[in-house]
Amino acid sequence: MIRFNPDFLENFLAVVRKYMQLRGGLTQKDLSEMMNVGISTMSRFLNLKASTVDEQLVANIIATLNIPLHEIIDGVEEESTETFKRLVQFYKEQKVADQNAKATEETPSERPDNRTKASASIKVGGMNQKIPFGETSVGQTRTEMTLGDKLKTLTPRQKAYLNDFLNLDGNDRDLVVDLGDAIFRYFRQRNVEF
């Protein structure tokens, strides 16, 4: 766990706001979309509503805005400095990998037609609704896909939800999983197939 000085958050947020302006006058929404973080999570953090300093979010912000470490490193406790630097480096490398993946990604018109979208039709409140799911290769079921392939099929909204979910503590994650499990059991009982 990375330890921060007591006044770290206020100083860090001042630096973040400065770099949001320097990077083109970014809004909280712009920053949250660039980081694939929920807008509410970003708003709570930037408005000092978070109860603790989320080291993952701090490192992600630094990497996204390309903030020089010398601007904020004084706020990190000395025994945590190396760990913090490695975490920021991890997020920077992740950003570079994401940019490279986007650059080499095929355009939709060049993409082969061996992919299909899956969807489910369900009846909710007396109305039929269609729920779209990610793309899968023809002949390949979602259970045959690797975790990386499944993550690539997520929409930005789904990625933001997943990031918010992963930022929860263990008990809160269990609560979300229990709720999701109850919803899936309900649909199965009603013979709704996904």
C-alpha atoms as a PDB file:
ATOM      1  CA  MET A   1       0.000   0.000   0.000  1.00  0.00           C
ATOM      2  CA  ILE A   2       1.322   3.410  -0.972  1.00  0.00           C
ATOM      3  CA  ARG A   3       1.367   6.016   1.773  1.00  0.00           C
ATOM      4  CA  PHE A   4       0.726   9.677   1.058  1.00  0.00           C
ATOM      5  CA  ASN A   5       1.401  12.788   3.160  1.00  0.00           C
ATOM      6  CA  PRO A   6      -1.684  14.261   4.889  1.00  0.00           C
ATOM      7  CA  ASP A   7      -1.857  17.281   2.562  1.00  0.00           C
ATOM      8  CA  PHE A   8      -1.162  15.252  -0.589  1.00  0.00           C
ATOM      9  CA  LEU A   9      -4.681  15.194  -2.008  1.00  0.00           C
ATOM     10  CA  GLU A  10      -5.274  18.934  -2.010  1.00  0.00           C
ATOM     11  CA  ASN A  11      -1.873  19.633  -3.594  1.00  0.00           C
ATOM     12  CA  PHE A  12      -2.332  16.806  -6.107  1.00  0.00           C
ATOM     13  CA  LEU A  13      -5.770  18.054  -7.166  1.00  0.00           C
ATOM     14  CA  ALA A  14      -4.345  21.547  -7.771  1.00  0.00           C
ATOM     15  CA  VAL A  15      -1.711  20.001 -10.060  1.00  0.00           C
ATOM     16  CA  VAL A  16      -4.382  17.891 -11.813  1.00  0.00           C
ATOM     17  CA  ARG A  17      -6.533  20.957 -12.497  1.00  0.00           C
ATOM     18  CA  LYS A  18      -3.480  22.784 -13.853  1.00  0.00           C
ATOM     19  CA  TYR A  19      -2.696  19.933 -16.258  1.00  0.00           C
ATOM     20  CA  MET A  20      -6.348  19.556 -17.261  1.00  0.00           C
ATOM     21  CA  GLN A  21      -6.141  23.176 -18.443  1.00  0.00           C
ATOM     22  CA  LEU A  22      -2.756  22.651 -20.109  1.00  0.00           C
ATOM     23  CA  ARG A  23      -4.054  19.598 -21.996  1.00  0.00           C
ATOM     24  CA  GLY A  24      -6.805  21.572 -23.687  1.00  0.00           C
ATOM     25  CA  GLY A  25      -9.204  22.569 -20.923  1.00  0.00           C
ATOM     26  CA  LEU A  26     -10.384  19.063 -20.147  1.00  0.00           C
ATOM     27  CA  THR A  27     -13.537  18.596 -18.092  1.00  0.00           C
ATOM     28  CA  GLN A  28     -14.094  15.928 -15.436  1.00  0.00           C
ATOM     29  CA  LYS A  29     -16.141  14.029 -18.004  1.00  0.00           C
ATOM     30  CA  ASP A  30     -13.351  14.232 -20.596  1.00  0.00           C
ATOM     31  CA  LEU A  31     -10.818  12.948 -18.082  1.00  0.00           C
ATOM     32  CA  SER A  32     -13.068  10.122 -16.902  1.00  0.00           C
ATOM     33  CA  GLU A  33     -13.659   9.000 -20.509  1.00  0.00           C
ATOM     34  CA  MET A  34      -9.928   9.125 -21.295  1.00  0.00           C
ATOM     35  CA  MET A  35      -9.272   6.916 -18.262  1.00  0.00           C
ATOM     36  CA  ASN A  36     -12.324   4.631 -18.653  1.00  0.00           C
ATOM     37  CA  VAL A  37     -13.413   5.581 -15.137  1.00  0.00           C
ATOM     38  CA  GLY A  38     -16.972   6.345 -14.112  1.00  0.00           C
ATOM     39  CA  ILE A  39     -17.871  10.030 -14.096  1.00  0.00           C
ATOM     40  CA  SER A  40     -19.217   9.775 -10.547  1.00  0.00           C
ATOM     41  CA  THR A  41     -15.949   8.211  -9.351  1.00  0.00           C
ATOM     42  CA  MET A  42     -13.953  11.008 -10.972  1.00  0.00           C
ATOM     43  CA  SER A  43     -16.266  13.691  -9.594  1.00  0.00           C
ATOM     44  CA  ARG A  44     -16.066  12.320  -6.045  1.00  0.00           C
ATOM     45  CA  PHE A  45     -12.295  12.193  -6.241  1.00  0.00           C
ATOM     46  CA  LEU A  46     -11.760  15.641  -7.771  1.00  0.00           C
ATOM     47  CA  ASN A  47     -14.213  17.260  -5.347  1.00  0.00           C
ATOM     48  CA  LEU A  48     -12.575  15.727  -2.246  1.00  0.00           C
ATOM     49  CA  LYS A  49     -15.606  13.526  -1.525  1.00  0.00           C
ATOM     50  CA  ALA A  50     -13.567  10.299  -1.464  1.00  0.00           C
ATOM     51  CA  SER A  51     -12.801   8.947   1.997  1.00  0.00           C
ATOM     52  CA  THR A  52      -9.318   7.694   1.043  1.00  0.00           C
ATOM     53  CA  VAL A  53      -6.699   8.378  -1.599  1.00  0.00           C
ATOM     54  CA  ASP A  54      -7.074   5.761  -4.342  1.00  0.00           C
ATOM     55  CA  GLU A  55      -3.494   5.067  -5.429  1.00  0.00           C
ATOM     56  CA  GLN A  56      -4.663   3.383  -8.652  1.00  0.00           C
ATOM     57  CA  LEU A  57      -6.733   6.403  -9.631  1.00  0.00           C
ATOM     58  CA  VAL A  58      -3.882   8.794  -8.768  1.00  0.00           C
ATOM     59  CA  ALA A  59      -1.415   6.815 -10.905  1.00  0.00           C
ATOM     60  CA  ASN A  60      -3.913   6.583 -13.774  1.00  0.00           C
ATOM     61  CA  ILE A  61      -4.512  10.351 -13.696  1.00  0.00           C
ATOM     62  CA  ILE A  62      -0.760  11.024 -13.736  1.00  0.00           C
ATOM     63  CA  ALA A  63      -0.276   8.714 -16.710  1.00  0.00           C
ATOM     64  CA  THR A  64      -3.296  10.059 -18.609  1.00  0.00           C
ATOM     65  CA  LEU A  65      -2.398  13.724 -18.163  1.00  0.00           C
ATOM     66  CA  ASN A  66       1.332  12.970 -18.461  1.00  0.00           C
ATOM     67  CA  ILE A  67       2.072  14.863 -15.250  1.00  0.00           C
ATOM     68  CA  PRO A  68       5.800  14.954 -14.437  1.00  0.00           C
ATOM     69  CA  LEU A  69       6.474  13.066 -11.208  1.00  0.00           C
ATOM     70  CA  HIS A  70       8.519  15.913  -9.763  1.00  0.00           C
ATOM     71  CA  GLU A  71       5.266  17.907  -9.510  1.00  0.00           C
ATOM     72  CA  ILE A  72       3.717  15.524  -6.961  1.00  0.00           C
ATOM     73  CA  ILE A  73       6.377  13.165  -5.627  1.00  0.00           C
ATOM     74  CA  ASP A  74       6.888  15.228  -2.452  1.00  0.00           C
ATOM     75  CA  GLY A  75       3.405  14.164  -1.377  1.00  0.00           C
ATOM     76  CA  VAL A  76       4.348  10.468  -1.385  1.00  0.00           C
ATOM     77  CA  GLU A  77       5.921   9.025   1.767  1.00  0.00           C
ATOM     78  CA  GLU A  78       9.590   8.162   1.209  1.00  0.00           C
ATOM     79  CA  GLU A  79       9.191   4.397   1.770  1.00  0.00           C
ATOM     80  CA  SER A  80       6.427   4.319  -0.879  1.00  0.00           C
ATOM     81  CA  THR A  81       8.215   6.335  -3.561  1.00  0.00           C
ATOM     82  CA  GLU A  82       9.615   3.433  -5.596  1.00  0.00           C
ATOM     83  CA  THR A  83       6.344   1.495  -5.493  1.00  0.00           C
ATOM     84  CA  PHE A  84       4.470   4.604  -6.588  1.00  0.00           C
ATOM     85  CA  LYS A  85       6.880   5.226  -9.476  1.00  0.00           C
ATOM     86  CA  ARG A  86       6.415   1.630 -10.681  1.00  0.00           C
ATOM     87  CA  LEU A  87       2.624   1.987 -10.516  1.00  0.00           C
ATOM     88  CA  VAL A  88       2.700   5.190 -12.560  1.00  0.00           C
ATOM     89  CA  GLN A  89       5.065   3.539 -15.059  1.00  0.00           C
ATOM     90  CA  PHE A  90       2.650   0.617 -15.372  1.00  0.00           C
ATOM     91  CA  TYR A  91      -0.211   2.975 -16.289  1.00  0.00           C
ATOM     92  CA  LYS A  92       1.995   4.878 -18.746  1.00  0.00           C
ATOM     93  CA  GLU A  93       2.955   1.628 -20.478  1.00  0.00           C
ATOM     94  CA  GLN A  94      -0.713   0.629 -20.550  1.00  0.00           C
ATOM     95  CA  LYS A  95      -1.592   3.941 -22.255  1.00  0.00           C
ATOM     96  CA  VAL A  96       1.114   3.385 -24.875  1.00  0.00           C
ATOM     97  CA  ALA A  97      -0.097  -0.179 -25.484  1.00  0.00           C
ATOM     98  CA  ASP A  98      -3.691   1.068 -25.859  1.00  0.00           C
ATOM     99  CA  GLN A  99      -2.600   3.746 -28.333  1.00  0.00           C
ATOM    100  CA  ASN A 100      -0.617   1.196 -30.349  1.00  0.00           C
ATOM    101  CA  ALA A 101      -3.584  -1.166 -30.396  1.00  0.00           C
ATOM    102  CA  LYS A 102      -5.863   1.611 -31.657  1.00  0.00           C
ATOM    103  CA  ALA A 103      -3.349   2.572 -34.342  1.00  0.00           C
ATOM    104  CA  THR A 104      -3.101  -0.983 -35.675  1.00  0.00           C
ATOM    105  CA  GLU A 105      -6.804  -1.725 -35.362  1.00  0.00           C
ATOM    106  CA  GLU A 106      -8.547  -2.340 -38.654  1.00  0.00           C
ATOM    107  CA  THR A 107     -11.154   0.130 -39.817  1.00  0.00           C
ATOM    108  CA  PRO A 108     -14.729  -1.211 -39.802  1.00  0.00           C
ATOM    109  CA  SER A 109     -14.879  -1.345 -43.612  1.00  0.00           C
ATOM    110  CA  GLU A 110     -11.698  -3.479 -43.728  1.00  0.00           C
ATOM    111  CA  ARG A 111     -12.744  -5.817 -40.970  1.00  0.00           C
ATOM    112  CA  PRO A 112     -13.642  -9.298 -42.194  1.00  0.00           C
ATOM    113  CA  ASP A 113     -17.259 -10.341 -41.865  1.00  0.00           C
ATOM    114  CA  ASN A 114     -16.439 -13.367 -39.715  1.00  0.00           C
ATOM    115  CA  ARG A 115     -17.757 -11.615 -36.608  1.00  0.00           C
ATOM    116  CA  THR A 116     -21.329 -11.373 -35.470  1.00  0.00           C
ATOM    117  CA  LYS A 117     -23.177  -9.528 -32.753  1.00  0.00           C
ATOM    118  CA  ALA A 118     -25.136 -11.503 -30.206  1.00  0.00           C
ATOM    119  CA  SER A 119     -28.303 -10.249 -28.576  1.00  0.00           C
ATOM    120  CA  ALA A 120     -31.084 -11.480 -26.355  1.00  0.00           C
ATOM    121  CA  SER A 121     -34.757 -10.616 -26.479  1.00  0.00           C
ATOM    122  CA  ILE A 122     -36.419 -10.414 -23.099  1.00  0.00           C
ATOM    123  CA  LYS A 123     -39.806  -9.338 -21.892  1.00  0.00           C
ATOM    124  CA  VAL A 124     -39.635  -6.718 -19.146  1.00  0.00           C
ATOM    125  CA  GLY A 125     -42.759  -5.045 -17.796  1.00  0.00           C
ATOM    126  CA  GLY A 126     -44.883  -6.433 -20.621  1.00  0.00           C
ATOM    127  CA  MET A 127     -42.571  -5.017 -23.290  1.00  0.00           C
ATOM    128  CA  ASN A 128     -40.090  -6.928 -25.440  1.00  0.00           C
ATOM    129  CA  GLN A 129     -36.569  -5.551 -25.252  1.00  0.00           C
ATOM    130  CA  LYS A 130     -33.459  -6.571 -27.125  1.00  0.00           C
ATOM    131  CA  ILE A 131     -30.167  -6.579 -25.201  1.00  0.00           C
ATOM    132  CA  PRO A 132     -27.037  -6.430 -27.392  1.00  0.00           C
ATOM    133  CA  PHE A 133     -23.835  -8.184 -26.363  1.00  0.00           C
ATOM    134  CA  GLY A 134     -20.266  -7.973 -27.612  1.00  0.00           C
ATOM    135  CA  GLU A 135     -19.069  -9.416 -30.878  1.00  0.00           C
ATOM    136  CA  THR A 136     -17.881 -12.985 -31.130  1.00  0.00           C
ATOM    137  CA  SER A 137     -16.199 -14.775 -33.989  1.00  0.00           C
ATOM    138  CA  VAL A 138     -18.465 -16.972 -36.043  1.00  0.00           C
ATOM    139  CA  GLY A 139     -18.375 -20.488 -34.640  1.00  0.00           C
ATOM    140  CA  GLN A 140     -16.790 -19.321 -31.392  1.00  0.00           C
ATOM    141  CA  THR A 141     -18.898 -19.216 -28.247  1.00  0.00           C
ATOM    142  CA  ARG A 142     -18.237 -16.671 -25.509  1.00  0.00           C
ATOM    143  CA  THR A 143     -17.054 -19.470 -23.227  1.00  0.00           C
ATOM    144  CA  GLU A 144     -14.300 -20.335 -25.738  1.00  0.00           C
ATOM    145  CA  MET A 145     -12.985 -16.756 -25.826  1.00  0.00           C
ATOM    146  CA  THR A 146     -10.031 -15.766 -23.667  1.00  0.00           C
ATOM    147  CA  LEU A 147     -10.495 -13.153 -20.968  1.00  0.00           C
ATOM    148  CA  GLY A 148      -8.526 -10.670 -23.080  1.00  0.00           C
ATOM    149  CA  ASP A 149     -10.830 -11.283 -26.078  1.00  0.00           C
ATOM    150  CA  LYS A 150     -13.881 -10.783 -23.884  1.00  0.00           C
ATOM    151  CA  LEU A 151     -12.472  -7.513 -22.491  1.00  0.00           C
ATOM    152  CA  LYS A 152     -11.897  -6.248 -26.034  1.00  0.00           C
ATOM    153  CA  THR A 153     -15.604  -6.689 -26.806  1.00  0.00           C
ATOM    154  CA  LEU A 154     -16.686  -4.360 -23.982  1.00  0.00           C
ATOM    155  CA  THR A 155     -18.088  -0.946 -24.814  1.00  0.00           C
ATOM    156  CA  PRO A 156     -16.561   2.144 -23.135  1.00  0.00           C
ATOM    157  CA  ARG A 157     -19.585   2.267 -20.826  1.00  0.00           C
ATOM    158  CA  GLN A 158     -19.064  -1.369 -19.827  1.00  0.00           C
ATOM    159  CA  LYS A 159     -15.334  -0.759 -19.277  1.00  0.00           C
ATOM    160  CA  ALA A 160     -16.131   2.201 -17.014  1.00  0.00           C
ATOM    161  CA  TYR A 161     -18.515  -0.004 -15.003  1.00  0.00           C
ATOM    162  CA  LEU A 162     -15.896  -2.743 -14.757  1.00  0.00           C
ATOM    163  CA  ASN A 163     -13.300  -0.244 -13.572  1.00  0.00           C
ATOM    164  CA  ASP A 164     -15.718   1.103 -10.927  1.00  0.00           C
ATOM    165  CA  PHE A 165     -16.450  -2.485  -9.866  1.00  0.00           C
ATOM    166  CA  LEU A 166     -12.753  -3.312  -9.522  1.00  0.00           C
ATOM    167  CA  ASN A 167     -12.214  -0.183  -7.412  1.00  0.00           C
ATOM    168  CA  LEU A 168     -14.743  -1.397  -4.821  1.00  0.00           C
ATOM    169  CA  ASP A 169     -13.564  -3.118  -1.664  1.00  0.00           C
ATOM    170  CA  GLY A 170     -14.157  -6.866  -1.279  1.00  0.00           C
ATOM    171  CA  ASN A 171     -17.493  -6.632   0.547  1.00  0.00           C
ATOM    172  CA  ASP A 172     -18.943  -4.179  -1.968  1.00  0.00           C
ATOM    173  CA  ARG A 173     -17.836  -6.387  -4.877  1.00  0.00           C
ATOM    174  CA  ASP A 174     -19.540  -9.368  -3.206  1.00  0.00           C
ATOM    175  CA  LEU A 175     -22.728  -7.322  -2.884  1.00  0.00           C
ATOM    176  CA  VAL A 176     -22.686  -6.446  -6.605  1.00  0.00           C
ATOM    177  CA  VAL A 177     -21.974 -10.079  -7.523  1.00  0.00           C
ATOM    178  CA  ASP A 178     -24.837 -11.302  -5.302  1.00  0.00           C
ATOM    179  CA  LEU A 179     -27.196  -8.804  -6.913  1.00  0.00           C
ATOM    180  CA  GLY A 180     -26.105  -9.843 -10.417  1.00  0.00           C
ATOM    181  CA  ASP A 181     -26.471 -13.510  -9.490  1.00  0.00           C
ATOM    182  CA  ALA A 182     -30.023 -12.865  -8.274  1.00  0.00           C
ATOM    183  CA  ILE A 183     -30.894 -11.107 -11.552  1.00  0.00           C
ATOM    184  CA  PHE A 184     -29.500 -13.987 -13.647  1.00  0.00           C
ATOM    185  CA  ARG A 185     -31.404 -16.549 -11.533  1.00  0.00           C
ATOM    186  CA  TYR A 186     -34.589 -14.545 -12.082  1.00  0.00           C
ATOM    187  CA  PHE A 187     -34.069 -14.538 -15.858  1.00  0.00           C
ATOM    188  CA  ARG A 188     -33.288 -18.271 -15.880  1.00  0.00           C
ATOM    189  CA  GLN A 189     -36.480 -18.984 -13.926  1.00  0.00           C
ATOM    190  CA  ARG A 190     -38.409 -17.057 -16.567  1.00  0.00           C
ATOM    191  CA  ASN A 191     -36.648 -19.112 -19.289  1.00  0.00           C
ATOM    192  CA  VAL A 192     -34.869 -16.096 -20.736  1.00  0.00           C
ATOM    193  CA  GLU A 193     -31.802 -17.194 -22.669  1.00  0.00           C
ATOM    194  CA  PHE A 194     -28.838 -14.936 -23.320  1.00  0.00           C
END
